[in-house]
Structure formats: structure tokens, C-alpha cells
Amino acid sequence: MPGPLRIDSGELTTEEILSALQEGRRIVVTTEMMGGTYEVTLRHDGTIFYCDTPTTLHKHEDEEEMRTCITKMGYARSEPADD
């Protein structure tokens, strides 16, 4: 199994992050929050998606919940709107 994919916040799109999670990769996102720089680990066990932050382990029941979390927390690069 490959090691975790390490990225900076905004480096990949939401779809690229979700694709890597669906492939079984753990993703370690370096992000700024609460006045500091932290690492957040994103993973998927085949059923549940997880966001392990410095303060909480968030669980998401499906891909749409995870997509919302990734977008809301700013882990992904903004994707251009369809014209």
C-alpha cells in the first residue's frame, strides 16, 4: 500500500481528492487554521469517510457529505464554474 499523499491546502481539486480517497489513499493536507499550520488526515475505509483534524475526528456517511466538508474547509483548490 502506498504511503499517504501529502498536499498543501488548495493543491488539488475536490474531485482529485475524492478520487484518491476512493482508491484507498490517505491524504494528509497541510492547512492553516486557528492561527497556525496543521495537518488534517482524510481517509475512506470503503464505507465511511473520515477527516481527522487537530481537534476532532469527523465522519461522513457518503461522498456528497465528504465533498461538502472538503469544500467548506478549503482543503481543495477552487474549481472554475461551468460557463
N, C-alpha and C. Protein backbone atom coordinates (compact mmCIF):
# COMPACT_ATOMS: atom_id res chain seq x y z
N MET A 1 0.85 -1.17 0.00
CA MET A 1 0.00 0.00 0.00
C MET A 1 0.89 1.24 0.00
N PRO A 2 0.58 2.21 -0.87
CA PRO A 2 1.39 3.43 -0.90
C PRO A 2 1.22 4.24 0.37
N GLY A 3 2.22 5.04 0.67
CA GLY A 3 2.14 5.92 1.82
C GLY A 3 1.12 7.01 1.58
N PRO A 4 0.88 7.84 2.57
CA PRO A 4 -0.11 8.91 2.42
C PRO A 4 0.30 9.91 1.34
N LEU A 5 -0.67 10.46 0.68
CA LEU A 5 -0.46 11.52 -0.28
C LEU A 5 -0.43 12.82 0.51
N ARG A 6 0.67 13.53 0.46
CA ARG A 6 0.82 14.78 1.22
C ARG A 6 0.65 15.96 0.28
N ILE A 7 -0.30 16.84 0.64
CA ILE A 7 -0.59 18.01 -0.18
C ILE A 7 -0.75 19.24 0.70
N ASP A 8 -0.61 20.39 0.07
CA ASP A 8 -0.95 21.65 0.73
C ASP A 8 -2.40 21.97 0.41
N SER A 9 -3.07 22.63 1.31
CA SER A 9 -4.45 23.05 1.09
C SER A 9 -4.52 23.83 -0.22
N GLY A 10 -5.49 23.48 -1.08
CA GLY A 10 -5.66 24.17 -2.35
C GLY A 10 -4.84 23.59 -3.49
N GLU A 11 -4.07 22.57 -3.24
CA GLU A 11 -3.21 21.99 -4.28
C GLU A 11 -4.00 21.14 -5.28
N LEU A 12 -4.99 20.38 -4.81
CA LEU A 12 -5.80 19.52 -5.67
C LEU A 12 -7.25 20.00 -5.67
N THR A 13 -8.00 19.59 -6.69
CA THR A 13 -9.44 19.89 -6.72
C THR A 13 -10.16 18.91 -5.81
N THR A 14 -11.41 19.21 -5.51
CA THR A 14 -12.23 18.32 -4.70
C THR A 14 -12.33 16.95 -5.36
N GLU A 15 -12.54 16.92 -6.66
CA GLU A 15 -12.68 15.65 -7.37
C GLU A 15 -11.39 14.84 -7.34
N GLU A 16 -10.24 15.50 -7.42
CA GLU A 16 -8.96 14.80 -7.34
C GLU A 16 -8.77 14.19 -5.95
N ILE A 17 -9.16 14.92 -4.92
CA ILE A 17 -9.07 14.41 -3.55
C ILE A 17 -10.00 13.21 -3.37
N LEU A 18 -11.25 13.35 -3.81
CA LEU A 18 -12.20 12.24 -3.68
C LEU A 18 -11.75 11.01 -4.46
N SER A 19 -11.20 11.21 -5.62
CA SER A 19 -10.71 10.09 -6.43
C SER A 19 -9.60 9.34 -5.69
N ALA A 20 -8.66 10.08 -5.12
CA ALA A 20 -7.57 9.44 -4.37
C ALA A 20 -8.12 8.69 -3.15
N LEU A 21 -9.09 9.27 -2.47
CA LEU A 21 -9.70 8.59 -1.32
C LEU A 21 -10.40 7.31 -1.75
N GLN A 22 -11.11 7.35 -2.87
CA GLN A 22 -11.82 6.17 -3.37
C GLN A 22 -10.83 5.06 -3.76
N GLU A 23 -9.62 5.45 -4.14
CA GLU A 23 -8.57 4.48 -4.49
C GLU A 23 -7.90 3.90 -3.24
N GLY A 24 -8.31 4.38 -2.07
CA GLY A 24 -7.75 3.86 -0.84
C GLY A 24 -6.58 4.65 -0.27
N ARG A 25 -6.26 5.79 -0.88
CA ARG A 25 -5.16 6.62 -0.38
C ARG A 25 -5.59 7.43 0.83
N ARG A 26 -4.70 7.59 1.76
CA ARG A 26 -4.87 8.58 2.83
C ARG A 26 -4.27 9.86 2.30
N ILE A 27 -4.89 10.97 2.66
CA ILE A 27 -4.37 12.26 2.21
C ILE A 27 -4.11 13.10 3.44
N VAL A 28 -2.90 13.60 3.54
CA VAL A 28 -2.52 14.50 4.63
C VAL A 28 -2.45 15.90 4.03
N VAL A 29 -3.36 16.76 4.49
CA VAL A 29 -3.46 18.12 3.99
C VAL A 29 -2.83 19.07 5.00
N THR A 30 -1.85 19.84 4.56
CA THR A 30 -1.29 20.88 5.41
C THR A 30 -2.11 22.14 5.17
N THR A 31 -2.67 22.67 6.25
CA THR A 31 -3.58 23.81 6.13
C THR A 31 -3.38 24.77 7.29
N GLU A 32 -3.80 26.00 7.07
CA GLU A 32 -3.75 27.00 8.14
C GLU A 32 -5.12 27.12 8.76
N MET A 33 -5.17 27.00 10.08
CA MET A 33 -6.41 27.20 10.83
C MET A 33 -6.05 27.56 12.26
N MET A 34 -6.95 28.24 12.92
CA MET A 34 -6.77 28.61 14.33
C MET A 34 -5.43 29.30 14.57
N GLY A 35 -4.98 30.10 13.61
CA GLY A 35 -3.76 30.86 13.77
C GLY A 35 -2.47 30.08 13.62
N GLY A 36 -2.54 28.84 13.14
CA GLY A 36 -1.34 28.04 12.96
C GLY A 36 -1.44 27.15 11.75
N THR A 37 -0.39 26.41 11.50
CA THR A 37 -0.36 25.45 10.40
C THR A 37 -0.52 24.06 10.98
N TYR A 38 -1.47 23.30 10.43
CA TYR A 38 -1.79 21.98 10.94
C TYR A 38 -1.92 20.97 9.82
N GLU A 39 -1.86 19.71 10.18
CA GLU A 39 -2.09 18.63 9.24
C GLU A 39 -3.44 17.99 9.55
N VAL A 40 -4.21 17.77 8.50
CA VAL A 40 -5.50 17.10 8.58
C VAL A 40 -5.39 15.85 7.73
N THR A 41 -5.81 14.72 8.27
CA THR A 41 -5.77 13.47 7.51
C THR A 41 -7.16 13.11 7.03
N LEU A 42 -7.28 12.89 5.72
CA LEU A 42 -8.53 12.47 5.11
C LEU A 42 -8.38 11.01 4.70
N ARG A 43 -9.42 10.21 4.94
CA ARG A 43 -9.35 8.79 4.54
C ARG A 43 -10.75 8.24 4.33
N HIS A 44 -10.77 7.08 3.70
CA HIS A 44 -12.04 6.38 3.41
C HIS A 44 -11.79 4.91 3.66
N ASP A 45 -12.66 4.28 4.44
CA ASP A 45 -12.46 2.86 4.76
C ASP A 45 -13.30 1.94 3.87
N GLY A 46 -13.87 2.51 2.80
CA GLY A 46 -14.73 1.73 1.93
C GLY A 46 -16.20 1.98 2.21
N THR A 47 -16.49 2.50 3.40
CA THR A 47 -17.87 2.79 3.79
C THR A 47 -18.00 4.22 4.30
N ILE A 48 -17.15 4.61 5.22
CA ILE A 48 -17.20 5.92 5.88
C ILE A 48 -15.98 6.74 5.46
N PHE A 49 -16.20 8.04 5.26
CA PHE A 49 -15.11 8.99 5.02
C PHE A 49 -14.77 9.64 6.36
N TYR A 50 -13.47 9.90 6.58
CA TYR A 50 -13.01 10.49 7.84
C TYR A 50 -12.16 11.73 7.57
N CYS A 51 -12.32 12.74 8.42
CA CYS A 51 -11.46 13.93 8.45
C CYS A 51 -10.92 14.00 9.86
N ASP A 52 -9.65 13.71 10.02
CA ASP A 52 -9.02 13.72 11.33
C ASP A 52 -8.28 15.04 11.48
N THR A 53 -8.90 15.98 12.21
CA THR A 53 -8.34 17.31 12.41
C THR A 53 -7.58 17.34 13.74
N PRO A 54 -6.86 18.43 14.01
CA PRO A 54 -6.16 18.51 15.30
C PRO A 54 -7.08 18.44 16.51
N THR A 55 -8.37 18.73 16.34
CA THR A 55 -9.27 18.76 17.49
C THR A 55 -10.38 17.71 17.46
N THR A 56 -10.71 17.19 16.26
CA THR A 56 -11.88 16.31 16.15
C THR A 56 -11.71 15.31 15.01
N LEU A 57 -12.33 14.16 15.17
CA LEU A 57 -12.45 13.19 14.08
C LEU A 57 -13.86 13.30 13.54
N HIS A 58 -13.99 13.82 12.32
CA HIS A 58 -15.29 13.95 11.67
C HIS A 58 -15.54 12.72 10.82
N LYS A 59 -16.77 12.22 10.83
CA LYS A 59 -17.16 11.09 10.00
C LYS A 59 -18.23 11.55 9.02
N HIS A 60 -18.12 11.09 7.79
CA HIS A 60 -19.08 11.43 6.74
C HIS A 60 -19.60 10.15 6.12
N GLU A 61 -20.92 10.02 6.05
CA GLU A 61 -21.57 8.79 5.61
C GLU A 61 -21.44 8.52 4.12
N ASP A 62 -21.30 9.59 3.31
CA ASP A 62 -21.24 9.36 1.87
C ASP A 62 -20.34 10.39 1.18
N GLU A 63 -20.13 10.19 -0.11
CA GLU A 63 -19.23 11.04 -0.88
C GLU A 63 -19.71 12.49 -0.91
N GLU A 64 -21.01 12.71 -0.97
CA GLU A 64 -21.53 14.07 -1.03
C GLU A 64 -21.23 14.83 0.27
N GLU A 65 -21.37 14.17 1.42
CA GLU A 65 -21.02 14.80 2.70
C GLU A 65 -19.53 15.14 2.73
N MET A 66 -18.70 14.24 2.23
CA MET A 66 -17.25 14.48 2.21
C MET A 66 -16.92 15.62 1.26
N ARG A 67 -17.57 15.66 0.11
CA ARG A 67 -17.35 16.75 -0.85
C ARG A 67 -17.67 18.09 -0.19
N THR A 68 -18.78 18.15 0.54
CA THR A 68 -19.18 19.38 1.23
C THR A 68 -18.13 19.79 2.25
N CYS A 69 -17.63 18.84 3.01
CA CYS A 69 -16.61 19.12 4.03
C CYS A 69 -15.33 19.65 3.40
N ILE A 70 -14.86 18.98 2.35
CA ILE A 70 -13.62 19.39 1.66
C ILE A 70 -13.75 20.82 1.16
N THR A 71 -14.90 21.13 0.57
CA THR A 71 -15.13 22.47 0.03
C THR A 71 -15.24 23.50 1.14
N LYS A 72 -16.05 23.20 2.14
CA LYS A 72 -16.28 24.13 3.26
C LYS A 72 -14.99 24.46 4.00
N MET A 73 -14.16 23.45 4.21
CA MET A 73 -12.94 23.66 4.99
C MET A 73 -11.78 24.23 4.16
N GLY A 74 -11.96 24.31 2.85
CA GLY A 74 -10.94 24.91 2.00
C GLY A 74 -9.76 24.02 1.72
N TYR A 75 -9.94 22.69 1.82
CA TYR A 75 -8.83 21.77 1.56
C TYR A 75 -8.50 21.67 0.07
N ALA A 76 -9.48 21.96 -0.79
CA ALA A 76 -9.31 21.79 -2.23
C ALA A 76 -9.14 23.14 -2.93
N ARG A 77 -8.59 23.06 -4.13
CA ARG A 77 -8.46 24.23 -4.99
C ARG A 77 -9.85 24.57 -5.53
N SER A 78 -10.15 25.84 -5.65
CA SER A 78 -11.42 26.27 -6.21
C SER A 78 -11.48 25.81 -7.65
N GLU A 79 -12.62 25.23 -8.01
CA GLU A 79 -12.80 24.75 -9.37
C GLU A 79 -13.55 25.82 -10.15
N PRO A 80 -13.12 26.09 -11.40
CA PRO A 80 -13.82 27.12 -12.18
C PRO A 80 -15.27 26.72 -12.44
N ALA A 81 -16.16 27.70 -12.44
CA ALA A 81 -17.57 27.43 -12.71
C ALA A 81 -17.75 27.11 -14.18
N ASP A 82 -18.71 26.25 -14.47
CA ASP A 82 -19.03 25.91 -15.85
C ASP A 82 -19.65 27.14 -16.52
N ASP A 83 -19.21 27.42 -17.73
CA ASP A 83 -19.78 28.57 -18.47
C ASP A 83 -20.95 28.13 -19.31
